[in-house]
Amino acid sequence: MLPTSIAGGVVTLLCVILSCFGLARTLLRLLGGEPATAVTAGSRLAAGDLTQVLQLHPNDQGSLFANIGAGQASLRETVGASRNGSQEALGAAAKLAAEAAHGVDGSRPQGEAATAMSSSVEQMARNVMQTADFACSVRQHGDEAEARAQQGGNEVRKLAERSAGPHAH
């Protein structure tokens, strides 16, 4: 019985060893490579390193390495799109700033022209007021001159009537 038990133990040991090799091979296929390499790849990806190149077996699409590679490629695309969007936004902001500066530069001469025009209008208004005051003064003097001329005419008439004497009528 001893040789049968030894033979049974050897067969069992061979089955265990073959099972371990099969299990190891299945795990390596699921990982896509060595476990230490998978840990390093995952750590580098988590740290933001999108430059690493993972060596995949041909037709490997379902392993951990393949999925890490696909995630890395997707992140690379997203980061690239974000950079492009940021560059476009930066370019648009620079263009807007340049247009705003141009608007400010263009509005300065207009503001200065408006100030000069306002000053001219103010001076013209003062001149019109002075002219109106002068016209009132001339009118007043004209009214006084008219009144004196009528008074002088009346006195000349009276003198003329007196000098003509009683026979003039």
N, C-alpha and C. Protein backbone atom coordinates (compact mmCIF):
# COMPACT_ATOMS: atom_id res chain seq x y z
N MET A 1 0.78 -1.17 0.00
CA MET A 1 0.00 0.00 0.00
C MET A 1 0.84 1.26 0.00
N LEU A 2 1.99 1.05 0.47
CA LEU A 2 2.87 2.20 0.53
C LEU A 2 3.21 2.71 -0.86
N PRO A 3 3.54 1.81 -1.81
CA PRO A 3 3.83 2.34 -3.13
C PRO A 3 2.61 3.00 -3.76
N THR A 4 1.44 2.58 -3.50
CA THR A 4 0.24 3.20 -4.05
C THR A 4 0.05 4.56 -3.43
N SER A 5 0.27 4.69 -2.14
CA SER A 5 0.10 5.99 -1.51
C SER A 5 1.14 6.96 -1.99
N ILE A 6 2.36 6.46 -2.23
CA ILE A 6 3.41 7.36 -2.73
C ILE A 6 3.03 7.78 -4.15
N ALA A 7 2.56 6.84 -4.91
CA ALA A 7 2.15 7.16 -6.27
C ALA A 7 0.99 8.14 -6.25
N GLY A 8 0.05 7.98 -5.34
CA GLY A 8 -1.09 8.91 -5.21
C GLY A 8 -0.60 10.28 -4.77
N GLY A 9 0.39 10.31 -3.86
CA GLY A 9 0.93 11.59 -3.40
C GLY A 9 1.65 12.32 -4.50
N VAL A 10 2.41 11.55 -5.33
CA VAL A 10 3.14 12.15 -6.45
C VAL A 10 2.16 12.71 -7.46
N VAL A 11 1.12 11.97 -7.75
CA VAL A 11 0.09 12.43 -8.71
C VAL A 11 -0.58 13.69 -8.16
N THR A 12 -0.87 13.67 -6.88
CA THR A 12 -1.51 14.84 -6.27
C THR A 12 -0.57 16.04 -6.33
N LEU A 13 0.72 15.80 -6.01
CA LEU A 13 1.70 16.88 -6.07
C LEU A 13 1.83 17.43 -7.48
N LEU A 14 1.86 16.53 -8.48
CA LEU A 14 1.92 16.98 -9.87
C LEU A 14 0.67 17.78 -10.24
N CYS A 15 -0.48 17.36 -9.77
CA CYS A 15 -1.73 18.11 -10.05
C CYS A 15 -1.68 19.49 -9.41
N VAL A 16 -1.16 19.56 -8.20
CA VAL A 16 -1.05 20.85 -7.51
C VAL A 16 -0.08 21.75 -8.26
N ILE A 17 1.06 21.20 -8.67
CA ILE A 17 2.07 22.00 -9.39
C ILE A 17 1.49 22.46 -10.72
N LEU A 18 0.83 21.59 -11.45
CA LEU A 18 0.21 21.98 -12.72
C LEU A 18 -0.89 23.02 -12.51
N SER A 19 -1.66 22.86 -11.46
CA SER A 19 -2.71 23.84 -11.14
C SER A 19 -2.09 25.20 -10.83
N CYS A 20 -0.98 25.19 -10.11
CA CYS A 20 -0.30 26.46 -9.78
C CYS A 20 0.22 27.12 -11.04
N PHE A 21 0.83 26.33 -11.93
CA PHE A 21 1.31 26.90 -13.20
C PHE A 21 0.14 27.43 -14.03
N GLY A 22 -0.94 26.70 -14.08
CA GLY A 22 -2.13 27.14 -14.83
C GLY A 22 -2.71 28.41 -14.23
N LEU A 23 -2.78 28.44 -12.90
CA LEU A 23 -3.31 29.63 -12.21
C LEU A 23 -2.39 30.82 -12.45
N ALA A 24 -1.10 30.61 -12.37
CA ALA A 24 -0.13 31.70 -12.60
C ALA A 24 -0.25 32.21 -14.05
N ARG A 25 -0.38 31.28 -14.98
CA ARG A 25 -0.52 31.67 -16.39
C ARG A 25 -1.80 32.45 -16.61
N THR A 26 -2.90 32.03 -15.99
CA THR A 26 -4.18 32.74 -16.11
C THR A 26 -4.07 34.14 -15.51
N LEU A 27 -3.42 34.23 -14.34
CA LEU A 27 -3.26 35.55 -13.70
C LEU A 27 -2.40 36.47 -14.56
N LEU A 28 -1.32 35.95 -15.12
CA LEU A 28 -0.46 36.77 -15.98
C LEU A 28 -1.21 37.23 -17.24
N ARG A 29 -2.07 36.36 -17.78
CA ARG A 29 -2.86 36.73 -18.94
C ARG A 29 -3.88 37.82 -18.57
N LEU A 30 -4.49 37.70 -17.38
CA LEU A 30 -5.44 38.73 -16.92
C LEU A 30 -4.75 40.05 -16.64
N LEU A 31 -3.55 39.97 -16.09
CA LEU A 31 -2.80 41.21 -15.81
C LEU A 31 -2.21 41.79 -17.10
N GLY A 32 -1.78 40.94 -18.01
CA GLY A 32 -1.14 41.40 -19.24
C GLY A 32 0.36 41.50 -19.07
N GLY A 33 0.89 41.14 -17.93
CA GLY A 33 2.32 41.20 -17.67
C GLY A 33 2.60 40.88 -16.22
N GLU A 34 3.80 41.17 -15.81
CA GLU A 34 4.22 40.89 -14.43
C GLU A 34 3.45 41.79 -13.45
N PRO A 35 3.08 41.26 -12.26
CA PRO A 35 2.35 42.07 -11.28
C PRO A 35 3.11 43.33 -10.85
N ALA A 36 4.42 43.24 -10.70
CA ALA A 36 5.21 44.42 -10.30
C ALA A 36 5.13 45.50 -11.38
N THR A 37 5.14 45.10 -12.65
CA THR A 37 5.03 46.06 -13.76
C THR A 37 3.64 46.70 -13.76
N ALA A 38 2.61 45.92 -13.44
CA ALA A 38 1.24 46.46 -13.37
C ALA A 38 1.13 47.49 -12.25
N VAL A 39 1.76 47.21 -11.10
CA VAL A 39 1.73 48.15 -9.98
C VAL A 39 2.44 49.44 -10.37
N THR A 40 3.61 49.33 -11.00
CA THR A 40 4.37 50.51 -11.43
C THR A 40 3.57 51.33 -12.45
N ALA A 41 2.96 50.66 -13.42
CA ALA A 41 2.17 51.36 -14.44
C ALA A 41 0.99 52.09 -13.82
N GLY A 42 0.30 51.41 -12.90
CA GLY A 42 -0.84 52.05 -12.22
C GLY A 42 -0.40 53.24 -11.38
N SER A 43 0.72 53.13 -10.69
CA SER A 43 1.22 54.23 -9.86
C SER A 43 1.62 55.43 -10.72
N ARG A 44 2.29 55.17 -11.84
CA ARG A 44 2.71 56.27 -12.72
C ARG A 44 1.50 56.96 -13.33
N LEU A 45 0.49 56.19 -13.69
CA LEU A 45 -0.72 56.77 -14.25
C LEU A 45 -1.44 57.61 -13.20
N ALA A 46 -1.50 57.09 -11.98
CA ALA A 46 -2.15 57.83 -10.88
C ALA A 46 -1.42 59.13 -10.58
N ALA A 47 -0.10 59.14 -10.81
CA ALA A 47 0.71 60.33 -10.56
C ALA A 47 0.61 61.33 -11.72
N GLY A 48 -0.08 60.96 -12.79
CA GLY A 48 -0.27 61.88 -13.91
C GLY A 48 0.68 61.66 -15.06
N ASP A 49 1.48 60.60 -15.03
CA ASP A 49 2.42 60.32 -16.11
C ASP A 49 1.66 59.65 -17.25
N LEU A 50 1.45 60.39 -18.32
CA LEU A 50 0.74 59.85 -19.47
C LEU A 50 1.69 59.48 -20.61
N THR A 51 2.99 59.46 -20.31
CA THR A 51 3.98 59.20 -21.35
C THR A 51 4.47 57.77 -21.38
N GLN A 52 4.13 56.97 -20.39
CA GLN A 52 4.67 55.61 -20.34
C GLN A 52 4.09 54.77 -21.48
N VAL A 53 4.92 53.86 -21.95
CA VAL A 53 4.52 52.95 -23.02
C VAL A 53 4.42 51.55 -22.41
N LEU A 54 3.26 50.96 -22.51
CA LEU A 54 3.04 49.61 -21.97
C LEU A 54 3.19 48.59 -23.09
N GLN A 55 3.98 47.55 -22.83
CA GLN A 55 4.18 46.48 -23.81
C GLN A 55 3.05 45.48 -23.65
N LEU A 56 2.21 45.38 -24.65
CA LEU A 56 1.07 44.45 -24.62
C LEU A 56 1.38 43.25 -25.53
N HIS A 57 0.76 42.12 -25.16
CA HIS A 57 0.85 40.94 -26.01
C HIS A 57 -0.07 41.16 -27.21
N PRO A 58 0.25 40.53 -28.33
CA PRO A 58 -0.62 40.69 -29.51
C PRO A 58 -2.06 40.28 -29.19
N ASN A 59 -3.00 41.03 -29.71
CA ASN A 59 -4.44 40.80 -29.53
C ASN A 59 -4.89 40.91 -28.07
N ASP A 60 -4.12 41.57 -27.24
CA ASP A 60 -4.48 41.74 -25.82
C ASP A 60 -5.40 42.95 -25.71
N GLN A 61 -6.69 42.70 -25.41
CA GLN A 61 -7.65 43.79 -25.29
C GLN A 61 -8.37 43.80 -23.95
N GLY A 62 -8.23 42.73 -23.19
CA GLY A 62 -8.99 42.63 -21.95
C GLY A 62 -8.15 42.59 -20.69
N SER A 63 -6.84 42.65 -20.81
CA SER A 63 -6.00 42.54 -19.62
C SER A 63 -5.95 43.88 -18.88
N LEU A 64 -5.41 43.82 -17.66
CA LEU A 64 -5.24 45.04 -16.86
C LEU A 64 -4.34 46.02 -17.59
N PHE A 65 -3.25 45.56 -18.18
CA PHE A 65 -2.34 46.43 -18.93
C PHE A 65 -3.08 47.10 -20.09
N ALA A 66 -3.88 46.32 -20.83
CA ALA A 66 -4.62 46.87 -21.97
C ALA A 66 -5.57 47.97 -21.50
N ASN A 67 -6.24 47.73 -20.38
CA ASN A 67 -7.17 48.74 -19.86
C ASN A 67 -6.43 49.97 -19.33
N ILE A 68 -5.28 49.75 -18.70
CA ILE A 68 -4.48 50.91 -18.25
C ILE A 68 -4.03 51.71 -19.47
N GLY A 69 -3.61 51.03 -20.52
CA GLY A 69 -3.19 51.71 -21.76
C GLY A 69 -4.34 52.49 -22.39
N ALA A 70 -5.53 51.89 -22.43
CA ALA A 70 -6.70 52.57 -23.00
C ALA A 70 -7.07 53.79 -22.16
N GLY A 71 -7.02 53.64 -20.83
CA GLY A 71 -7.31 54.78 -19.95
C GLY A 71 -6.30 55.89 -20.14
N GLN A 72 -5.04 55.50 -20.28
CA GLN A 72 -3.97 56.48 -20.50
C GLN A 72 -4.19 57.21 -21.82
N ALA A 73 -4.54 56.51 -22.88
CA ALA A 73 -4.79 57.13 -24.18
C ALA A 73 -5.98 58.09 -24.11
N SER A 74 -7.02 57.66 -23.41
CA SER A 74 -8.20 58.51 -23.25
C SER A 74 -7.87 59.79 -22.48
N LEU A 75 -7.08 59.62 -21.41
CA LEU A 75 -6.66 60.80 -20.64
C LEU A 75 -5.79 61.72 -21.48
N ARG A 76 -4.90 61.14 -22.30
CA ARG A 76 -4.06 61.94 -23.19
C ARG A 76 -4.92 62.78 -24.13
N GLU A 77 -5.96 62.17 -24.69
CA GLU A 77 -6.86 62.90 -25.59
C GLU A 77 -7.59 64.01 -24.83
N THR A 78 -8.08 63.71 -23.63
CA THR A 78 -8.80 64.71 -22.84
C THR A 78 -7.90 65.87 -22.47
N VAL A 79 -6.68 65.56 -22.05
CA VAL A 79 -5.73 66.62 -21.69
C VAL A 79 -5.39 67.45 -22.91
N GLY A 80 -5.19 66.79 -24.05
CA GLY A 80 -4.89 67.51 -25.29
C GLY A 80 -6.03 68.43 -25.68
N ALA A 81 -7.27 67.94 -25.57
CA ALA A 81 -8.43 68.77 -25.90
C ALA A 81 -8.54 69.95 -24.94
N SER A 82 -8.24 69.69 -23.66
CA SER A 82 -8.27 70.78 -22.68
C SER A 82 -7.21 71.82 -22.99
N ARG A 83 -6.03 71.36 -23.37
CA ARG A 83 -4.96 72.31 -23.74
C ARG A 83 -5.36 73.13 -24.95
N ASN A 84 -5.93 72.47 -25.95
CA ASN A 84 -6.37 73.19 -27.15
C ASN A 84 -7.44 74.21 -26.80
N GLY A 85 -8.39 73.78 -25.96
CA GLY A 85 -9.45 74.71 -25.54
C GLY A 85 -8.87 75.86 -24.75
N SER A 86 -7.91 75.59 -23.89
CA SER A 86 -7.27 76.65 -23.11
C SER A 86 -6.52 77.61 -24.02
N GLN A 87 -5.83 77.07 -25.03
CA GLN A 87 -5.10 77.92 -25.98
C GLN A 87 -6.07 78.80 -26.76
N GLU A 88 -7.19 78.22 -27.18
CA GLU A 88 -8.20 79.00 -27.91
C GLU A 88 -8.77 80.09 -27.02
N ALA A 89 -9.07 79.75 -25.76
CA ALA A 89 -9.61 80.75 -24.83
C ALA A 89 -8.58 81.84 -24.57
N LEU A 90 -7.32 81.46 -24.44
CA LEU A 90 -6.25 82.44 -24.22
C LEU A 90 -6.11 83.34 -25.43
N GLY A 91 -6.17 82.77 -26.62
CA GLY A 91 -6.10 83.57 -27.85
C GLY A 91 -7.27 84.53 -27.95
N ALA A 92 -8.48 84.05 -27.63
CA ALA A 92 -9.66 84.91 -27.67
C ALA A 92 -9.56 86.02 -26.64
N ALA A 93 -9.03 85.70 -25.46
CA ALA A 93 -8.87 86.73 -24.41
C ALA A 93 -7.85 87.77 -24.84
N ALA A 94 -6.77 87.33 -25.48
CA ALA A 94 -5.75 88.28 -25.96
C ALA A 94 -6.35 89.18 -27.05
N LYS A 95 -7.13 88.59 -27.94
CA LYS A 95 -7.77 89.37 -29.01
C LYS A 95 -8.75 90.37 -28.41
N LEU A 96 -9.52 89.94 -27.43
CA LEU A 96 -10.47 90.83 -26.76
C LEU A 96 -9.75 91.97 -26.05
N ALA A 97 -8.64 91.65 -25.40
CA ALA A 97 -7.86 92.69 -24.71
C ALA A 97 -7.30 93.70 -25.72
N ALA A 98 -6.84 93.20 -26.87
CA ALA A 98 -6.31 94.09 -27.90
C ALA A 98 -7.41 94.98 -28.45
N GLU A 99 -8.59 94.41 -28.68
CA GLU A 99 -9.71 95.21 -29.19
C GLU A 99 -10.17 96.23 -28.16
N ALA A 100 -10.15 95.84 -26.89
CA ALA A 100 -10.52 96.79 -25.84
C ALA A 100 -9.52 97.93 -25.76
N ALA A 101 -8.23 97.60 -25.89
CA ALA A 101 -7.19 98.64 -25.88
C ALA A 101 -7.36 99.55 -27.08
N HIS A 102 -7.69 98.96 -28.23
CA HIS A 102 -7.92 99.77 -29.43
C HIS A 102 -9.13 100.69 -29.23
N GLY A 103 -10.17 100.16 -28.60
CA GLY A 103 -11.36 100.97 -28.31
C GLY A 103 -11.04 102.11 -27.37
N VAL A 104 -10.23 101.82 -26.36
CA VAL A 104 -9.83 102.88 -25.42
C VAL A 104 -8.99 103.92 -26.15
N ASP A 105 -8.03 103.46 -26.97
CA ASP A 105 -7.19 104.39 -27.72
C ASP A 105 -8.04 105.23 -28.68
N GLY A 106 -9.04 104.62 -29.28
CA GLY A 106 -9.91 105.35 -30.20
C GLY A 106 -10.84 106.31 -29.47
N SER A 107 -11.21 105.99 -28.26
CA SER A 107 -12.15 106.86 -27.54
C SER A 107 -11.45 108.08 -26.93
N ARG A 108 -10.15 108.01 -26.73
CA ARG A 108 -9.42 109.15 -26.16
C ARG A 108 -9.52 110.38 -27.05
N PRO A 109 -9.19 110.27 -28.36
CA PRO A 109 -9.32 111.46 -29.21
C PRO A 109 -10.76 111.95 -29.28
N GLN A 110 -11.71 111.02 -29.28
CA GLN A 110 -13.11 111.44 -29.30
C GLN A 110 -13.47 112.19 -28.03
N GLY A 111 -12.96 111.72 -26.90
CA GLY A 111 -13.22 112.41 -25.64
C GLY A 111 -12.58 113.79 -25.64
N GLU A 112 -11.35 113.86 -26.17
CA GLU A 112 -10.68 115.16 -26.24
C GLU A 112 -11.42 116.09 -27.19
N ALA A 113 -11.90 115.56 -28.31
CA ALA A 113 -12.65 116.37 -29.27
C ALA A 113 -13.96 116.85 -28.64
N ALA A 114 -14.62 115.97 -27.90
CA ALA A 114 -15.88 116.35 -27.24
C ALA A 114 -15.62 117.43 -26.19
N THR A 115 -14.50 117.31 -25.47
CA THR A 115 -14.15 118.32 -24.48
C THR A 115 -13.89 119.66 -25.15
N ALA A 116 -13.13 119.63 -26.26
CA ALA A 116 -12.86 120.87 -26.99
C ALA A 116 -14.14 121.46 -27.55
N MET A 117 -15.02 120.61 -28.07
CA MET A 117 -16.28 121.09 -28.61
C MET A 117 -17.14 121.68 -27.50
N SER A 118 -17.16 121.03 -26.37
CA SER A 118 -17.92 121.53 -25.23
C SER A 118 -17.40 122.89 -24.81
N SER A 119 -16.09 123.04 -24.80
CA SER A 119 -15.48 124.31 -24.44
C SER A 119 -15.86 125.38 -25.46
N SER A 120 -15.85 125.02 -26.75
CA SER A 120 -16.22 125.97 -27.80
C SER A 120 -17.68 126.38 -27.68
N VAL A 121 -18.54 125.41 -27.41
CA VAL A 121 -19.97 125.71 -27.25
C VAL A 121 -20.18 126.62 -26.04
N GLU A 122 -19.45 126.35 -24.98
CA GLU A 122 -19.55 127.19 -23.78
C GLU A 122 -19.10 128.62 -24.09
N GLN A 123 -17.99 128.77 -24.82
CA GLN A 123 -17.50 130.11 -25.20
C GLN A 123 -18.52 130.80 -26.11
N MET A 124 -19.10 130.03 -27.04
CA MET A 124 -20.10 130.61 -27.93
C MET A 124 -21.32 131.06 -27.13
N ALA A 125 -21.72 130.28 -26.16
CA ALA A 125 -22.87 130.66 -25.33
C ALA A 125 -22.56 131.96 -24.58
N ARG A 126 -21.33 132.09 -24.07
CA ARG A 126 -20.95 133.34 -23.39
C ARG A 126 -21.00 134.52 -24.36
N ASN A 127 -20.50 134.29 -25.59
CA ASN A 127 -20.53 135.36 -26.60
C ASN A 127 -21.96 135.75 -26.95
N VAL A 128 -22.83 134.77 -27.09
CA VAL A 128 -24.24 135.06 -27.39
C VAL A 128 -24.87 135.86 -26.25
N MET A 129 -24.55 135.48 -25.01
CA MET A 129 -25.09 136.22 -23.85
C MET A 129 -24.56 137.66 -23.85
N GLN A 130 -23.28 137.85 -24.15
CA GLN A 130 -22.72 139.20 -24.21
C GLN A 130 -23.37 140.01 -25.32
N THR A 131 -23.58 139.35 -26.46
CA THR A 131 -24.24 140.04 -27.58
C THR A 131 -25.67 140.42 -27.20
N ALA A 132 -26.36 139.52 -26.52
CA ALA A 132 -27.73 139.82 -26.09
C ALA A 132 -27.73 140.98 -25.09
N ASP A 133 -26.77 140.98 -24.15
CA ASP A 133 -26.67 142.09 -23.19
C ASP A 133 -26.38 143.39 -23.92
N PHE A 134 -25.46 143.33 -24.90
CA PHE A 134 -25.12 144.53 -25.66
C PHE A 134 -26.34 145.03 -26.45
N ALA A 135 -27.11 144.08 -27.05
CA ALA A 135 -28.30 144.46 -27.81
C ALA A 135 -29.33 145.12 -26.90
N CYS A 136 -29.47 144.61 -25.68
CA CYS A 136 -30.40 145.23 -24.71
C CYS A 136 -29.93 146.64 -24.37
N SER A 137 -28.63 146.78 -24.19
CA SER A 137 -28.07 148.09 -23.87
C SER A 137 -28.27 149.06 -25.03
N VAL A 138 -28.03 148.58 -26.27
CA VAL A 138 -28.23 149.43 -27.46
C VAL A 138 -29.69 149.81 -27.58
N ARG A 139 -30.58 148.90 -27.33
CA ARG A 139 -32.01 149.19 -27.41
C ARG A 139 -32.40 150.24 -26.39
N GLN A 140 -31.86 150.06 -25.17
CA GLN A 140 -32.16 151.01 -24.10
C GLN A 140 -31.67 152.41 -24.49
N HIS A 141 -30.42 152.47 -25.00
CA HIS A 141 -29.88 153.75 -25.44
C HIS A 141 -30.68 154.31 -26.62
N GLY A 142 -31.10 153.40 -27.52
CA GLY A 142 -31.92 153.84 -28.66
C GLY A 142 -33.24 154.42 -28.19
N ASP A 143 -33.87 153.78 -27.19
CA ASP A 143 -35.15 154.28 -26.64
C ASP A 143 -34.93 155.66 -26.01
N GLU A 144 -33.82 155.79 -25.27
CA GLU A 144 -33.51 157.08 -24.65
C GLU A 144 -33.26 158.15 -25.72
N ALA A 145 -32.52 157.75 -26.80
CA ALA A 145 -32.23 158.69 -27.89
C ALA A 145 -33.51 159.10 -28.59
N GLU A 146 -34.42 158.14 -28.78
CA GLU A 146 -35.70 158.45 -29.42
C GLU A 146 -36.51 159.42 -28.57
N ALA A 147 -36.52 159.13 -27.26
CA ALA A 147 -37.27 160.02 -26.36
C ALA A 147 -36.68 161.42 -26.37
N ARG A 148 -35.37 161.54 -26.36
CA ARG A 148 -34.73 162.86 -26.37
C ARG A 148 -34.94 163.55 -27.72
N ALA A 149 -34.91 162.74 -28.81
CA ALA A 149 -35.14 163.33 -30.13
C ALA A 149 -36.55 163.89 -30.23
N GLN A 150 -37.52 163.16 -29.68
CA GLN A 150 -38.90 163.66 -29.69
C GLN A 150 -39.02 164.90 -28.82
N GLN A 151 -38.37 164.86 -27.68
CA GLN A 151 -38.40 166.02 -26.78
C GLN A 151 -37.74 167.23 -27.48
N GLY A 152 -36.57 166.96 -28.15
CA GLY A 152 -35.90 168.06 -28.87
C GLY A 152 -36.77 168.55 -30.02
N GLY A 153 -37.41 167.65 -30.72
CA GLY A 153 -38.29 168.06 -31.84
C GLY A 153 -39.44 168.90 -31.34
N ASN A 154 -39.99 168.49 -30.18
CA ASN A 154 -41.09 169.27 -29.59
C ASN A 154 -40.61 170.67 -29.22
N GLU A 155 -39.41 170.75 -28.67
CA GLU A 155 -38.89 172.07 -28.28
C GLU A 155 -38.60 172.91 -29.50
N VAL A 156 -38.08 172.29 -30.56
CA VAL A 156 -37.81 173.03 -31.80
C VAL A 156 -39.12 173.54 -32.38
N ARG A 157 -40.17 172.76 -32.35
CA ARG A 157 -41.48 173.17 -32.83
C ARG A 157 -42.01 174.35 -32.03
N LYS A 158 -41.84 174.25 -30.72
CA LYS A 158 -42.31 175.34 -29.85
C LYS A 158 -41.54 176.62 -30.18
N LEU A 159 -40.22 176.48 -30.36
CA LEU A 159 -39.40 177.65 -30.69
C LEU A 159 -39.80 178.20 -32.05
N ALA A 160 -40.04 177.31 -32.95
CA ALA A 160 -40.42 177.75 -34.29
C ALA A 160 -41.77 178.44 -34.24
N GLU A 161 -42.64 178.00 -33.44
CA GLU A 161 -43.98 178.61 -33.31
C GLU A 161 -43.81 179.98 -32.63
N ARG A 162 -42.97 180.08 -31.65
CA ARG A 162 -42.75 181.35 -30.96
C ARG A 162 -42.05 182.34 -31.90
N SER A 163 -41.11 181.88 -32.65
CA SER A 163 -40.42 182.83 -33.50
C SER A 163 -41.33 183.25 -34.65
N ALA A 164 -42.17 182.45 -35.06
CA ALA A 164 -43.08 182.84 -36.15
C ALA A 164 -44.09 183.84 -35.62
N GLY A 165 -44.23 183.84 -34.39
CA GLY A 165 -45.13 184.80 -33.75
C GLY A 165 -46.58 184.49 -33.98
N PRO A 166 -47.37 185.51 -33.57
CA PRO A 166 -48.80 185.31 -33.65
C PRO A 166 -49.27 185.28 -35.10
N HIS A 167 -48.61 185.76 -36.04
CA HIS A 167 -49.10 185.78 -37.40
C HIS A 167 -48.89 184.48 -38.15
N ALA A 168 -48.18 183.55 -37.62
CA ALA A 168 -47.94 182.29 -38.32
C ALA A 168 -49.19 181.48 -38.44
N HIS A 169 -50.13 181.76 -37.55
CA HIS A 169 -51.34 180.94 -37.64
C HIS A 169 -52.39 181.70 -38.30
